[in-house]
Amino acid sequence: MTLKECEKEEKADREFQKKFKFEGSINVLTRMMVDPTAMEKRGGGKNLPLRRGEILDVIQFTNQEQILCRNSQRRCKSVGAEALPA
């Protein structure tokens, strides 16, 4: 990983912490795959765009309906729990 890529990742992490008022370091709890039979969603607002079979990093289980996740482009937003298998 180059210095420029590291700086870009650090900037994305700082923006995430500011946006979600997240304290401390960002730890990935687990990785989950989006349900292959789920409908693809565009996302927007507070929701992350979903693609079938995409692997997401789970950062925080916020409540029963929403999970805070990060995708491969390091975008962090909420995902509906129905899109991820139990």
C-alpha atoms as a PDB file:
ATOM      1  CA  MET A   1       0.000   0.000   0.000  1.00  0.00           C
ATOM      2  CA  THR A   2       1.402   3.364  -0.973  1.00  0.00           C
ATOM      3  CA  LEU A   3       1.555   6.431   1.221  1.00  0.00           C
ATOM      4  CA  LYS A   4      -1.167   8.121  -0.830  1.00  0.00           C
ATOM      5  CA  GLU A   5      -3.540   5.158  -0.342  1.00  0.00           C
ATOM      6  CA  CYS A   6      -2.870   5.146   3.413  1.00  0.00           C
ATOM      7  CA  GLU A   7      -3.626   8.856   3.666  1.00  0.00           C
ATOM      8  CA  LYS A   8      -6.839   8.377   1.686  1.00  0.00           C
ATOM      9  CA  GLU A   9      -7.966   5.581   4.024  1.00  0.00           C
ATOM     10  CA  GLU A  10      -7.149   7.637   7.116  1.00  0.00           C
ATOM     11  CA  LYS A  11      -9.144  10.570   5.731  1.00  0.00           C
ATOM     12  CA  ALA A  12     -12.135   8.299   5.024  1.00  0.00           C
ATOM     13  CA  ASP A  13     -11.942   6.931   8.582  1.00  0.00           C
ATOM     14  CA  ARG A  14     -11.859  10.452  10.069  1.00  0.00           C
ATOM     15  CA  GLU A  15     -14.875  11.484   7.977  1.00  0.00           C
ATOM     16  CA  PHE A  16     -16.726   8.362   9.118  1.00  0.00           C
ATOM     17  CA  GLN A  17     -16.004   9.101  12.783  1.00  0.00           C
ATOM     18  CA  LYS A  18     -17.190  12.672  12.384  1.00  0.00           C
ATOM     19  CA  LYS A  19     -20.337  11.760  10.432  1.00  0.00           C
ATOM     20  CA  PHE A  20     -21.520   8.984  12.753  1.00  0.00           C
ATOM     21  CA  LYS A  21     -20.104  10.544  15.963  1.00  0.00           C
ATOM     22  CA  PHE A  22     -18.103   7.346  16.412  1.00  0.00           C
ATOM     23  CA  GLU A  23     -15.679   7.309  19.339  1.00  0.00           C
ATOM     24  CA  GLY A  24     -12.373   5.427  19.293  1.00  0.00           C
ATOM     25  CA  SER A  25     -10.861   3.303  16.566  1.00  0.00           C
ATOM     26  CA  ILE A  26     -12.891   1.555  13.888  1.00  0.00           C
ATOM     27  CA  ASN A  27     -12.854  -2.183  14.501  1.00  0.00           C
ATOM     28  CA  VAL A  28     -14.422  -4.636  12.090  1.00  0.00           C
ATOM     29  CA  LEU A  29     -16.593  -7.041  14.098  1.00  0.00           C
ATOM     30  CA  THR A  30     -17.207  -9.483  11.269  1.00  0.00           C
ATOM     31  CA  ARG A  31     -17.601  -9.721   7.518  1.00  0.00           C
ATOM     32  CA  MET A  32     -20.915 -10.616   5.905  1.00  0.00           C
ATOM     33  CA  MET A  33     -22.023 -11.253   2.365  1.00  0.00           C
ATOM     34  CA  VAL A  34     -25.135  -9.565   0.998  1.00  0.00           C
ATOM     35  CA  ASP A  35     -27.847 -12.130   0.344  1.00  0.00           C
ATOM     36  CA  PRO A  36     -27.489 -13.319  -3.300  1.00  0.00           C
ATOM     37  CA  THR A  37     -31.285 -13.368  -3.669  1.00  0.00           C
ATOM     38  CA  ALA A  38     -31.788  -9.842  -2.275  1.00  0.00           C
ATOM     39  CA  MET A  39     -32.782  -7.017  -4.585  1.00  0.00           C
ATOM     40  CA  GLU A  40     -29.990  -4.614  -5.471  1.00  0.00           C
ATOM     41  CA  LYS A  41     -30.471  -1.147  -3.986  1.00  0.00           C
ATOM     42  CA  ARG A  42     -29.057   2.181  -5.090  1.00  0.00           C
ATOM     43  CA  GLY A  43     -28.548   3.490  -1.608  1.00  0.00           C
ATOM     44  CA  GLY A  44     -28.348   7.175  -0.881  1.00  0.00           C
ATOM     45  CA  GLY A  45     -28.978   9.258   2.180  1.00  0.00           C
ATOM     46  CA  LYS A  46     -28.154   7.021   5.121  1.00  0.00           C
ATOM     47  CA  ASN A  47     -28.146   3.687   3.266  1.00  0.00           C
ATOM     48  CA  LEU A  48     -25.282   1.934   1.543  1.00  0.00           C
ATOM     49  CA  PRO A  49     -25.774   0.793  -2.073  1.00  0.00           C
ATOM     50  CA  LEU A  50     -26.032  -3.004  -2.179  1.00  0.00           C
ATOM     51  CA  ARG A  51     -24.967  -5.499  -4.808  1.00  0.00           C
ATOM     52  CA  ARG A  52     -25.783  -9.194  -4.654  1.00  0.00           C
ATOM     53  CA  GLY A  53     -23.001 -11.255  -3.132  1.00  0.00           C
ATOM     54  CA  GLU A  54     -20.944  -8.217  -2.078  1.00  0.00           C
ATOM     55  CA  ILE A  55     -18.794  -8.662   1.054  1.00  0.00           C
ATOM     56  CA  LEU A  56     -19.320  -5.984   3.734  1.00  0.00           C
ATOM     57  CA  ASP A  57     -17.333  -5.245   6.899  1.00  0.00           C
ATOM     58  CA  VAL A  58     -19.676  -4.964   9.888  1.00  0.00           C
ATOM     59  CA  ILE A  59     -18.589  -2.150  12.171  1.00  0.00           C
ATOM     60  CA  GLN A  60     -21.511  -1.903  14.582  1.00  0.00           C
ATOM     61  CA  PHE A  61     -24.904  -3.517  15.157  1.00  0.00           C
ATOM     62  CA  THR A  62     -26.948  -0.354  15.757  1.00  0.00           C
ATOM     63  CA  ASN A  63     -30.384  -1.928  16.300  1.00  0.00           C
ATOM     64  CA  GLN A  64     -32.599  -4.779  15.063  1.00  0.00           C
ATOM     65  CA  GLU A  65     -33.261  -3.157  11.661  1.00  0.00           C
ATOM     66  CA  GLN A  66     -29.944  -1.431  10.840  1.00  0.00           C
ATOM     67  CA  ILE A  67     -26.288  -2.465  10.772  1.00  0.00           C
ATOM     68  CA  LEU A  68     -23.405  -0.042  10.255  1.00  0.00           C
ATOM     69  CA  CYS A  69     -21.214  -1.459   7.457  1.00  0.00           C
ATOM     70  CA  ARG A  70     -18.322  -0.551   5.168  1.00  0.00           C
ATOM     71  CA  ASN A  71     -18.044  -1.738   1.563  1.00  0.00           C
ATOM     72  CA  SER A  72     -14.979  -2.378  -0.591  1.00  0.00           C
ATOM     73  CA  GLN A  73     -14.768   1.318  -1.590  1.00  0.00           C
ATOM     74  CA  ARG A  74     -14.529   2.136   2.165  1.00  0.00           C
ATOM     75  CA  ARG A  75     -17.929   3.824   2.184  1.00  0.00           C
ATOM     76  CA  CYS A  76     -19.604   3.543   5.576  1.00  0.00           C
ATOM     77  CA  LYS A  77     -23.363   3.686   5.907  1.00  0.00           C
ATOM     78  CA  SER A  78     -26.268   1.759   7.347  1.00  0.00           C
ATOM     79  CA  VAL A  79     -27.593  -1.441   5.807  1.00  0.00           C
ATOM     80  CA  GLY A  80     -30.982  -2.985   6.438  1.00  0.00           C
ATOM     81  CA  ALA A  81     -30.674  -6.241   8.391  1.00  0.00           C
ATOM     82  CA  GLU A  82     -32.984  -8.001   5.910  1.00  0.00           C
ATOM     83  CA  ALA A  83     -30.270  -7.778   3.212  1.00  0.00           C
ATOM     84  CA  LEU A  84     -27.740  -9.735   5.307  1.00  0.00           C
ATOM     85  CA  PRO A  85     -28.375 -13.370   6.258  1.00  0.00           C
ATOM     86  CA  ALA A  86     -28.455 -14.186   9.943  1.00  0.00           C
END
